[in-house]
Structures are given as structure tokens and as C-alpha cells.
Amino acid sequence: MKTIDELVADGVSGKRVFVRADLNVPLDGDTITDDGRIRAAVPTITKLAENGARVVVASHLGRPKGAPDPQFSLAPVARRLGELLGKQVAFATDTVGDSAKATVGESADGGVTLLENLRFNAGETSKDDAERGAFADELAALADAYVGDGFGAVHRKHASVYDLPARLPHAAGYLIATEVGVLKKLTEDVRRPYVVVLGGAKVSDKLGVIDHLLGKADRLLIGGGMAYTFLAAKGYEVGESLLQEDQIPAVKGYLERAEQLGVEFVLPVDVVAAAEFPDLKTKAPADPTVVAADAIPADLEGLDIGPESRKLYAAKLADAATVFWNGPMGVFEHPDFADGTKAVAQGLLDAASSSEGNGAFTVVGGGDSAAAVRQLGFDENAFGHISTGGGASLEYLEGKTLPGLAALED
């Protein structure tokens, strides 16, 4: 995989360099509520611009239906990117149309252009190779070289991620190089004990990574909505908690396999529950109550791990040498149900600064976990790495081939 430094060494001054970034940030109207992914794209864009490239940045945002949709416009992202770069970012109001051609054509050496949302064109996500390829041809006409740096999208076989690199000289940006380096530390010559913390809503989203990591991790800690399917698999009443009944047989199988392999499976011993899901806009008090994980009342919904579980999970993280965490422990967006996620984040930090000599390498696996770290006020720099791509990280750890990485191989 060619690096951006090698591309720059070959000469990029005056050349149009297409950067496929991942600027898929959360928006509240026109307000960006978490700019982490934009900040992660800055080093690669800066390197190219400082070396005289005419940088063409492209990304998706949200899930528009293959046509322009104002609520998914990248215009707010262009403004924030300009602030972070300390320079004007030209914004094209389409992807490959007259605005894109004109804006890129008018760009000076060292200039930066951001194209409108790639998914406003149906060819970006099409499953038809010809349709996707035709869109890639139009994108290729805007550039002389390609840099893949949108790690959060590399698990997608999309035109700008998979087809476009085949049409241009290509290299990996700094973000992708960093992310791949981190993931190799989680899969090759891992320092032990290796602890994996998995949360989030659906157990079905995590079965693949659980299957793959059962032979690699020493300990798995389970929380979030997915924990209730595990508790149900053990025969416990879970009340109104999130439950995927169709996944219970698979979960039982993993629990049995873990026992055979000597992998420790840690489930909540108590949970914070409420009679109804909390209001995340008003943050109104939700009347939480702590109940045993094996005796959740039929009319209550588990929404976070409880205080005894927090202590247990902290203890299970304390001696770790490597930790991968993906998925919050509860509804962290509401203060009544944020303590479990806080406890896990603090557990990672404590493991990283452990006096036991391990000095754990800690990885926060993107998505809601990364958002929680920022929202709950933790110092991002205190973690070993905060990924920009939760889904991509999980698929890599499942052992899958990621189309966007395969496309960058020479």
C-alpha cells in the first residue's frame, strides 16, 4: 500500500488530488455536534495542500436516497473544515456536475475544494457494477491522483471507495495508515491480557466479531442493549429490555464455546432500569432503579449496567495489557444512564496508566463509543487510539476483507 508521503515525494504540486475522507458527522440542523471525523481528516489534507496539490475532498453524510436532500448537505462541514485548516474551503454544490467541474477547475495550487455529498448520486452506493463504475469515471475526471483516507467507509464497496482508486494513481492517507496500524496491534502479536468490551444495542451487530475474537481475546465484557440477549440466554427474566430472541441460540453457543476455550465472558450482575425509555432531548429525570441482572421486573427496561457491574468491569480491566472497546454500556446520552459507560472509559484510562507495569494499549472503536468519550468529557489524547470507524473496525477484527483497503493495495 503506497503511502501519502511516497505520493508527495513523487510530486503533487499543481495536480488535482482526490481525497476520499469520512466527514459523516452528526448534525443538529446546521450545527455539527461532534467534529472528530473532520479533525481526523486535517493532517492528510494539510500535507497535500502544503505541497501545492489542488485538493478535492469528498465524503458522504447520512443516508440520502441517491438524490439531493438539503438535510444531508456537507455545507456546514465545509465551513468547519475551513476553520480547522485556517483557510477558505471552496464548496461545490454538486458531486460531478457543473459546480464541481467549475470549482475544481478554478482551484489554485494549495487550494481545497469540498464536493457535495457523494450519496446524492445513486451511482455511489449502487450494487450494479456498471452504474457504480460510471460514477467513478465521472469522479476520476476531476482528479489526477487518489488518496483514500475515509476509514469509516472502507468496509463499503462504493464508487468513491472501491472503484475510483482503480482509475487513478492511489495512496493511503495518514488516517487509514494509523487505523490499520492500530488494528494490526489488536490482531497480530497482541500483548496480554487482551480484554474486549462490547456494548451497543443489537447483539446481531457483534456476533461476527465475538465469533472471531473468541479464539484471540482472554476476556470479553458485555454491556449495552445487547447484554439482555445474553442474560436471557442464561435463562434470566429481562423485563421490557431490548431483546433479540432469534439470537438466543447463537448466544448460548458462544457462551458454551467460551467456556471450552477458557475465555472469560463477563455479563452485568446488576442493571439500572426504568419504566420507560428516557427523553433524550429534555434529559428529564427518568426515575431509575437498580435491580439484579438475574431478576429484572417484568415492567422495567434495563438501560445501563449497575454499580456492582461497574466495579466488576473496572476490576476486569485493571490488569489488561490490550483493550478494545466498541459500544456504550447504556443510554449514555441521558445522565441517569451514563455511569456505566463512564466507568468503562475510566477503566481504560486506569489500565493505560496501571502501576502493574502493563500500561495497556487502549483502543476506542469509533461510533457511539467515540462520541461518548467526547460527550462525557474525557481527554481523547489519554486513550491509545480513538477510531473514526466503528463498523470498519469490527469487520477488520472479524477477519473480513475491506473493499476500500483492498483497493489501495498495489
Protein backbone atom coordinates (compact mmCIF):
# COMPACT_ATOMS: atom_id res chain seq x y z
CA MET A 1 0.00 0.00 0.00
CA LYS A 2 1.59 3.26 -1.15
CA THR A 3 1.73 5.99 1.48
CA ILE A 4 0.80 9.63 1.11
CA ASP A 5 4.42 10.54 1.83
CA GLU A 6 5.51 8.50 -1.20
CA LEU A 7 2.84 10.18 -3.32
CA VAL A 8 4.03 13.62 -2.21
CA ALA A 9 7.66 12.65 -2.85
CA ASP A 10 6.71 11.81 -6.44
CA GLY A 11 5.36 15.37 -6.78
CA VAL A 12 1.82 16.66 -6.31
CA SER A 13 2.28 20.38 -6.96
CA GLY A 14 -0.33 21.58 -9.44
CA LYS A 15 -2.01 18.18 -9.51
CA ARG A 16 -5.65 17.59 -8.58
CA VAL A 17 -5.59 15.07 -5.73
CA PHE A 18 -8.92 13.47 -4.80
CA VAL A 19 -9.15 12.72 -1.06
CA ARG A 20 -11.91 10.33 -0.06
CA ALA A 21 -12.43 11.38 3.57
CA ASP A 22 -15.06 10.35 6.09
CA LEU A 23 -16.80 13.56 7.13
CA ASN A 24 -20.00 11.82 8.17
CA VAL A 25 -20.54 13.89 11.31
CA PRO A 26 -23.68 14.20 13.45
CA LEU A 27 -25.73 17.34 12.75
CA ASP A 28 -28.40 19.15 14.73
CA GLY A 29 -29.83 21.28 11.94
CA ASP A 30 -26.73 23.09 10.61
CA THR A 31 -24.78 22.58 13.85
CA ILE A 32 -22.09 19.90 13.96
CA THR A 33 -22.35 18.21 17.36
CA ASP A 34 -19.11 16.18 17.08
CA ASP A 35 -16.35 17.26 14.68
CA GLY A 36 -13.97 14.40 15.47
CA ARG A 37 -14.03 12.96 11.96
CA ILE A 38 -13.36 16.35 10.39
CA ARG A 39 -10.37 16.89 12.66
CA ALA A 40 -9.09 13.42 11.77
CA ALA A 41 -9.05 14.36 8.06
CA VAL A 42 -6.99 17.54 8.54
CA PRO A 43 -3.42 16.07 8.57
CA THR A 44 -3.77 14.43 5.15
CA ILE A 45 -5.43 17.45 3.55
CA THR A 46 -2.85 19.78 5.06
CA LYS A 47 0.07 17.69 3.82
CA LEU A 48 -1.22 17.75 0.25
CA ALA A 49 -2.13 21.44 0.24
CA GLU A 50 1.20 22.47 1.73
CA ASN A 51 2.91 20.64 -1.11
CA GLY A 52 0.96 22.50 -3.77
CA ALA A 53 -1.75 19.99 -4.61
CA ARG A 54 -5.19 21.17 -5.66
CA VAL A 55 -7.09 19.09 -3.12
CA VAL A 56 -10.53 17.75 -3.96
CA VAL A 57 -12.20 16.38 -0.82
CA ALA A 58 -15.25 14.12 -0.99
CA SER A 59 -17.38 12.32 1.55
CA HIS A 60 -20.85 11.04 2.32
CA LEU A 61 -23.07 12.26 5.14
CA GLY A 62 -26.07 10.33 6.42
CA ARG A 63 -28.19 8.16 4.19
CA PRO A 64 -29.84 10.17 1.45
CA LYS A 65 -31.66 8.15 -1.20
CA GLY A 66 -29.36 8.76 -4.15
CA ALA A 67 -30.68 12.28 -4.78
CA PRO A 68 -30.02 15.75 -3.30
CA ASP A 69 -31.51 16.24 0.16
CA PRO A 70 -30.77 19.54 1.97
CA GLN A 71 -30.73 17.96 5.43
CA PHE A 72 -27.67 15.94 4.40
CA SER A 73 -25.71 18.76 2.76
CA LEU A 74 -22.00 19.00 3.51
CA ALA A 75 -22.14 22.82 3.53
CA PRO A 76 -21.74 23.01 7.35
CA VAL A 77 -18.78 20.63 7.08
CA ALA A 78 -17.09 22.89 4.52
CA ARG A 79 -17.29 25.79 6.98
CA ARG A 80 -15.85 23.76 9.86
CA LEU A 81 -13.13 22.23 7.69
CA GLY A 82 -12.10 25.74 6.64
CA GLU A 83 -11.86 26.80 10.29
CA LEU A 84 -9.68 23.82 11.14
CA LEU A 85 -7.43 24.30 8.11
CA GLY A 86 -7.22 28.05 8.66
CA LYS A 87 -8.09 28.72 5.04
CA GLN A 88 -11.09 29.05 2.76
CA VAL A 89 -12.58 25.79 1.53
CA ALA A 90 -14.43 26.12 -1.76
CA PHE A 91 -17.73 24.23 -1.78
CA ALA A 92 -19.18 22.60 -4.88
CA THR A 93 -22.95 22.31 -4.70
CA ASP A 94 -22.96 19.00 -6.62
CA THR A 95 -20.69 15.97 -6.94
CA VAL A 96 -19.75 15.69 -10.62
CA GLY A 97 -21.90 18.39 -12.23
CA ASP A 98 -21.23 21.93 -13.43
CA SER A 99 -20.49 23.27 -9.93
CA ALA A 100 -17.95 20.54 -9.18
CA LYS A 101 -16.21 20.97 -12.53
CA ALA A 102 -16.08 24.74 -12.23
CA THR A 103 -15.00 24.84 -8.58
CA VAL A 104 -12.24 22.27 -9.05
CA GLY A 105 -11.18 23.96 -12.27
CA GLU A 106 -10.81 27.32 -10.52
CA SER A 107 -8.79 25.90 -7.61
CA ALA A 108 -5.27 27.23 -7.21
CA ASP A 109 -2.24 25.23 -6.15
CA GLY A 110 -2.66 24.54 -2.42
CA GLY A 111 -6.39 25.15 -2.62
CA VAL A 112 -9.04 22.89 -1.11
CA THR A 113 -12.45 22.07 -2.61
CA LEU A 114 -15.17 20.04 -0.91
CA LEU A 115 -17.70 18.31 -3.14
CA GLU A 116 -21.33 17.94 -2.10
CA ASN A 117 -22.49 14.68 -0.53
CA LEU A 118 -21.41 11.72 -2.68
CA ARG A 119 -24.59 9.83 -1.85
CA PHE A 120 -26.65 12.47 -3.63
CA ASN A 121 -25.68 10.40 -6.68
CA ALA A 122 -27.21 6.91 -6.87
CA GLY A 123 -24.05 5.57 -8.51
CA GLU A 124 -22.06 5.94 -5.28
CA THR A 125 -23.79 3.11 -3.43
CA SER A 126 -25.20 1.13 -6.36
CA LYS A 127 -24.85 -2.64 -6.28
CA ASP A 128 -24.67 -2.59 -10.08
CA ASP A 129 -21.01 -2.58 -11.10
CA ALA A 130 -21.67 -0.65 -14.32
CA GLU A 131 -23.65 2.12 -12.61
CA ARG A 132 -21.08 2.42 -9.84
CA GLY A 133 -18.25 2.39 -12.38
CA ALA A 134 -19.86 5.13 -14.46
CA PHE A 135 -20.00 7.39 -11.41
CA ALA A 136 -16.37 6.52 -10.60
CA ASP A 137 -15.43 7.57 -14.16
CA GLU A 138 -17.04 10.97 -13.59
CA LEU A 139 -15.22 11.40 -10.29
CA ALA A 140 -11.92 10.35 -11.89
CA ALA A 141 -12.30 13.13 -14.45
CA LEU A 142 -11.95 15.62 -11.59
CA ALA A 143 -8.56 14.35 -10.43
CA ASP A 144 -5.04 13.24 -11.29
CA ALA A 145 -4.44 11.09 -8.21
CA TYR A 146 -6.40 9.49 -5.37
CA VAL A 147 -5.82 9.32 -1.63
CA GLY A 148 -8.01 7.02 0.43
CA ASP A 149 -8.43 8.40 3.94
CA GLY A 150 -12.07 7.67 4.85
CA PHE A 151 -11.52 4.76 7.19
CA GLY A 152 -15.14 4.80 8.35
CA ALA A 153 -16.22 3.85 4.81
CA VAL A 154 -13.57 1.29 3.77
CA HIS A 155 -15.88 -1.63 4.55
CA ARG A 156 -18.27 -0.38 1.83
CA LYS A 157 -17.97 -1.38 -1.83
CA HIS A 158 -18.88 2.13 -3.01
CA ALA A 159 -17.74 4.00 -6.10
CA SER A 160 -15.52 6.54 -4.34
CA VAL A 161 -14.05 3.90 -2.02
CA TYR A 162 -13.60 0.85 -4.21
CA ASP A 163 -13.92 1.71 -7.92
CA LEU A 164 -12.23 5.13 -8.08
CA PRO A 165 -8.77 4.03 -6.83
CA ALA A 166 -8.53 1.59 -9.76
CA ARG A 167 -8.82 4.53 -12.16
CA LEU A 168 -6.09 6.77 -10.68
CA PRO A 169 -2.63 6.55 -9.10
CA HIS A 170 -3.50 5.96 -5.46
CA ALA A 171 -2.15 6.03 -1.92
CA ALA A 172 -3.33 5.70 1.67
CA GLY A 173 -3.73 8.82 3.76
CA TYR A 174 -2.44 9.28 7.28
CA LEU A 175 -5.71 8.32 8.96
CA ILE A 176 -6.04 5.00 7.17
CA ALA A 177 -2.38 4.20 7.81
CA THR A 178 -2.86 4.90 11.51
CA GLU A 179 -6.10 2.92 11.77
CA VAL A 180 -4.63 -0.14 10.04
CA GLY A 181 -1.54 0.02 12.23
CA VAL A 182 -3.71 0.04 15.34
CA LEU A 183 -5.86 -2.85 14.14
CA LYS A 184 -2.77 -4.92 13.47
CA LYS A 185 -1.83 -4.42 17.13
CA LEU A 186 -5.21 -5.93 18.01
CA THR A 187 -4.78 -8.96 15.75
CA GLU A 188 -1.04 -9.70 15.50
CA ASP A 189 1.31 -10.34 18.44
CA VAL A 190 -1.22 -8.93 20.91
CA ARG A 191 0.02 -8.01 24.39
CA ARG A 192 -1.91 -9.95 27.04
CA PRO A 193 -4.19 -10.00 28.90
CA TYR A 194 -6.34 -8.91 25.95
CA VAL A 195 -9.74 -7.60 27.04
CA VAL A 196 -12.56 -6.79 24.62
CA VAL A 197 -15.51 -4.68 25.79
CA LEU A 198 -18.62 -4.83 23.60
CA GLY A 199 -21.82 -2.84 24.03
CA GLY A 200 -24.41 -1.10 21.92
CA ALA A 201 -27.96 -2.02 21.07
CA LYS A 202 -28.03 -5.19 18.98
CA VAL A 203 -26.17 -8.40 19.66
CA SER A 204 -26.65 -9.32 15.98
CA ASP A 205 -24.25 -6.48 15.04
CA LYS A 206 -21.49 -8.01 17.14
CA LEU A 207 -21.83 -11.77 16.58
CA GLY A 208 -19.20 -11.82 13.86
CA VAL A 209 -16.57 -10.10 15.97
CA ILE A 210 -17.42 -12.25 19.00
CA ASP A 211 -17.01 -15.37 16.86
CA HIS A 212 -13.61 -14.24 15.59
CA LEU A 213 -12.29 -12.93 18.90
CA LEU A 214 -13.24 -15.98 20.97
CA GLY A 215 -10.00 -17.55 19.89
CA LYS A 216 -7.95 -14.41 20.44
CA ALA A 217 -9.24 -12.45 23.46
CA ASP A 218 -8.68 -13.52 27.05
CA ARG A 219 -11.78 -11.79 28.39
CA LEU A 220 -14.99 -10.36 26.92
CA LEU A 221 -17.07 -7.80 28.83
CA ILE A 222 -20.62 -7.37 27.57
CA GLY A 223 -22.92 -4.38 28.19
CA GLY A 224 -25.46 -2.16 26.48
CA GLY A 225 -28.71 -3.37 24.95
CA MET A 226 -27.00 -6.50 23.60
CA ALA A 227 -26.35 -7.72 27.16
CA TYR A 228 -30.02 -8.58 27.69
CA THR A 229 -29.97 -11.24 24.99
CA PHE A 230 -27.02 -12.82 26.81
CA LEU A 231 -28.88 -12.63 30.12
CA ALA A 232 -31.96 -14.19 28.50
CA ALA A 233 -29.75 -16.94 27.08
CA LYS A 234 -28.80 -17.79 30.66
CA GLY A 235 -32.48 -18.13 31.50
CA TYR A 236 -32.93 -14.79 33.26
CA GLU A 237 -36.03 -12.56 33.11
CA VAL A 238 -35.13 -9.31 31.27
CA GLY A 239 -38.48 -7.47 31.52
CA GLU A 240 -39.01 -4.85 28.83
CA SER A 241 -35.29 -4.66 28.00
CA LEU A 242 -34.07 -4.83 24.42
CA LEU A 243 -34.06 -8.46 23.40
CA GLN A 244 -33.29 -10.30 20.16
CA GLU A 245 -34.97 -13.63 20.84
CA ASP A 246 -33.91 -15.06 17.49
CA GLN A 247 -30.25 -14.65 18.52
CA ILE A 248 -30.54 -16.60 21.79
CA PRO A 249 -29.43 -19.95 20.28
CA ALA A 250 -26.32 -18.33 18.78
CA VAL A 251 -25.53 -16.56 22.03
CA LYS A 252 -25.85 -19.80 24.00
CA GLY A 253 -23.41 -21.37 21.58
CA TYR A 254 -20.85 -18.61 22.13
CA LEU A 255 -21.15 -18.86 25.91
CA GLU A 256 -20.53 -22.62 25.71
CA ARG A 257 -17.62 -22.18 23.32
CA ALA A 258 -16.03 -19.51 25.50
CA GLU A 259 -16.14 -21.89 28.47
CA GLN A 260 -14.49 -24.64 26.42
CA LEU A 261 -11.74 -22.26 25.24
CA GLY A 262 -11.14 -20.79 28.67
CA VAL A 263 -12.21 -17.31 27.55
CA GLU A 264 -13.83 -15.34 30.37
CA PHE A 265 -17.29 -13.98 29.48
CA VAL A 266 -18.33 -11.20 31.87
CA LEU A 267 -22.00 -10.13 32.00
CA PRO A 268 -23.69 -7.49 34.18
CA VAL A 269 -24.58 -8.55 37.71
CA ASP A 270 -26.94 -5.61 38.17
CA VAL A 271 -28.58 -3.03 35.90
CA VAL A 272 -30.09 0.43 36.08
CA ALA A 273 -33.69 0.14 34.89
CA ALA A 274 -36.72 2.37 34.37
CA ALA A 275 -40.37 2.01 33.45
CA GLU A 276 -39.87 3.74 30.11
CA PHE A 277 -37.13 4.91 27.79
CA PRO A 278 -35.81 8.35 28.82
CA ASP A 279 -36.37 11.59 26.91
CA LEU A 280 -33.00 12.33 25.33
CA LYS A 281 -33.95 15.86 24.28
CA THR A 282 -35.15 17.28 27.60
CA LYS A 283 -32.96 14.97 29.74
CA ALA A 284 -35.86 14.92 32.22
CA PRO A 285 -35.30 12.67 35.28
CA ALA A 286 -36.21 9.08 34.43
CA ASP A 287 -36.77 7.61 37.92
CA PRO A 288 -34.06 4.93 37.58
CA THR A 289 -33.82 1.95 39.89
CA VAL A 290 -31.05 -0.61 40.39
CA VAL A 291 -32.06 -4.27 40.11
CA ALA A 292 -30.22 -7.57 39.97
CA ALA A 293 -29.38 -8.68 36.44
CA ASP A 294 -30.99 -12.06 37.02
CA ALA A 295 -34.25 -10.59 38.34
CA ILE A 296 -35.32 -7.62 36.21
CA PRO A 297 -39.01 -6.88 36.93
CA ALA A 298 -41.34 -7.63 34.02
CA ASP A 299 -42.43 -3.97 33.72
CA LEU A 300 -38.92 -2.42 33.72
CA GLU A 301 -36.36 -1.87 30.98
CA GLY A 302 -32.63 -2.21 31.62
CA LEU A 303 -30.84 0.93 30.37
CA ASP A 304 -27.33 0.75 31.90
CA ILE A 305 -25.07 -1.54 33.87
CA GLY A 306 -25.43 -1.08 37.62
CA PRO A 307 -22.93 -0.01 40.33
CA GLU A 308 -21.76 -3.55 41.16
CA SER A 309 -21.25 -4.26 37.45
CA ARG A 310 -19.20 -1.07 37.14
CA LYS A 311 -16.90 -2.23 39.93
CA LEU A 312 -16.67 -5.69 38.36
CA TYR A 313 -15.82 -4.33 34.92
CA ALA A 314 -13.22 -1.94 36.34
CA ALA A 315 -11.57 -4.89 38.10
CA LYS A 316 -11.60 -6.95 34.90
CA LEU A 317 -9.88 -4.10 33.03
CA ALA A 318 -7.29 -3.35 35.69
CA ASP A 319 -4.67 -5.92 34.63
CA ALA A 320 -5.23 -5.60 30.87
CA ALA A 321 -2.33 -5.03 28.50
CA THR A 322 -4.56 -4.53 25.45
CA VAL A 323 -8.16 -3.28 25.41
CA PHE A 324 -10.58 -2.85 22.53
CA TRP A 325 -13.90 -1.19 23.34
CA ASN A 326 -16.83 -0.83 20.96
CA GLY A 327 -20.31 0.19 22.09
CA PRO A 328 -21.64 2.07 25.13
CA MET A 329 -22.80 0.27 28.26
CA GLY A 330 -26.15 2.06 28.34
CA VAL A 331 -28.10 5.09 27.18
CA PHE A 332 -25.14 7.39 27.87
CA GLU A 333 -26.89 10.37 26.26
CA HIS A 334 -29.05 10.65 29.40
CA PRO A 335 -27.33 11.44 32.73
CA ASP A 336 -29.33 8.82 34.63
CA PHE A 337 -27.86 6.05 32.44
CA ALA A 338 -24.36 7.31 31.63
CA ASP A 339 -22.42 5.95 34.62
CA GLY A 340 -21.75 2.52 33.12
CA THR A 341 -20.16 4.00 30.00
CA LYS A 342 -18.20 6.45 32.17
CA ALA A 343 -16.92 3.58 34.28
CA VAL A 344 -15.67 1.65 31.24
CA ALA A 345 -13.96 4.73 29.78
CA GLN A 346 -12.29 5.38 33.13
CA GLY A 347 -11.35 1.71 33.33
CA LEU A 348 -9.49 2.01 30.03
CA LEU A 349 -7.62 5.08 31.28
CA ASP A 350 -6.73 3.37 34.55
CA ALA A 351 -5.44 0.32 32.67
CA ALA A 352 -3.34 2.58 30.44
CA SER A 353 -1.68 4.16 33.47
CA SER A 354 -1.54 0.93 35.50
CA SER A 355 1.22 0.64 38.07
CA GLU A 356 1.24 -3.11 37.45
CA GLY A 357 3.55 -2.48 34.51
CA ASN A 358 1.19 -3.32 31.69
CA GLY A 359 0.46 0.24 30.57
CA ALA A 360 -2.40 -1.04 28.48
CA PHE A 361 -2.78 -0.13 24.82
CA THR A 362 -6.37 1.12 24.73
CA VAL A 363 -8.49 1.43 21.59
CA VAL A 364 -11.93 3.02 21.45
CA GLY A 365 -13.64 1.52 18.40
CA GLY A 366 -15.40 4.51 16.89
CA GLY A 367 -19.12 5.19 16.56
CA ASP A 368 -21.09 5.78 19.75
CA SER A 369 -18.09 4.84 21.91
CA ALA A 370 -16.02 7.68 20.47
CA ALA A 371 -18.98 10.06 20.77
CA ALA A 372 -19.43 9.02 24.41
CA VAL A 373 -15.79 9.70 25.25
CA ARG A 374 -16.15 13.24 23.95
CA GLN A 375 -19.63 13.89 25.32
CA LEU A 376 -18.74 12.64 28.79
CA GLY A 377 -15.73 14.96 28.99
CA PHE A 378 -12.79 12.57 28.78
CA ASP A 379 -9.43 13.65 27.35
CA GLU A 380 -9.24 11.98 23.94
CA ASN A 381 -5.46 12.07 23.99
CA ALA A 382 -5.37 9.90 27.11
CA PHE A 383 -6.54 6.86 25.11
CA GLY A 384 -4.16 4.90 22.92
CA HIS A 385 -6.38 5.42 19.89
CA ILE A 386 -9.92 6.54 19.13
CA SER A 387 -11.06 5.08 15.83
CA THR A 388 -13.16 7.00 13.32
CA GLY A 389 -14.83 3.86 12.01
CA GLY A 390 -16.74 1.55 14.33
CA GLY A 391 -18.20 -0.65 11.59
CA ALA A 392 -14.94 -0.85 9.67
CA SER A 393 -13.01 -1.71 12.84
CA LEU A 394 -15.42 -4.51 13.69
CA GLU A 395 -15.30 -6.02 10.20
CA TYR A 396 -11.48 -5.92 10.24
CA LEU A 397 -11.49 -7.69 13.61
CA GLU A 398 -13.91 -10.25 12.14
CA GLY A 399 -11.20 -11.09 9.63
CA LYS A 400 -13.12 -9.75 6.65
CA THR A 401 -11.50 -8.19 3.57
CA LEU A 402 -12.39 -4.50 3.49
CA PRO A 403 -13.02 -3.31 -0.10
CA GLY A 404 -11.57 0.17 0.47
CA LEU A 405 -8.30 -1.24 1.83
CA ALA A 406 -8.04 -3.90 -0.87
CA ALA A 407 -8.46 -1.15 -3.50
CA LEU A 408 -5.42 0.70 -2.15
CA GLU A 409 -3.12 -2.32 -2.44
CA ASP A 410 -0.76 -2.15 -5.37
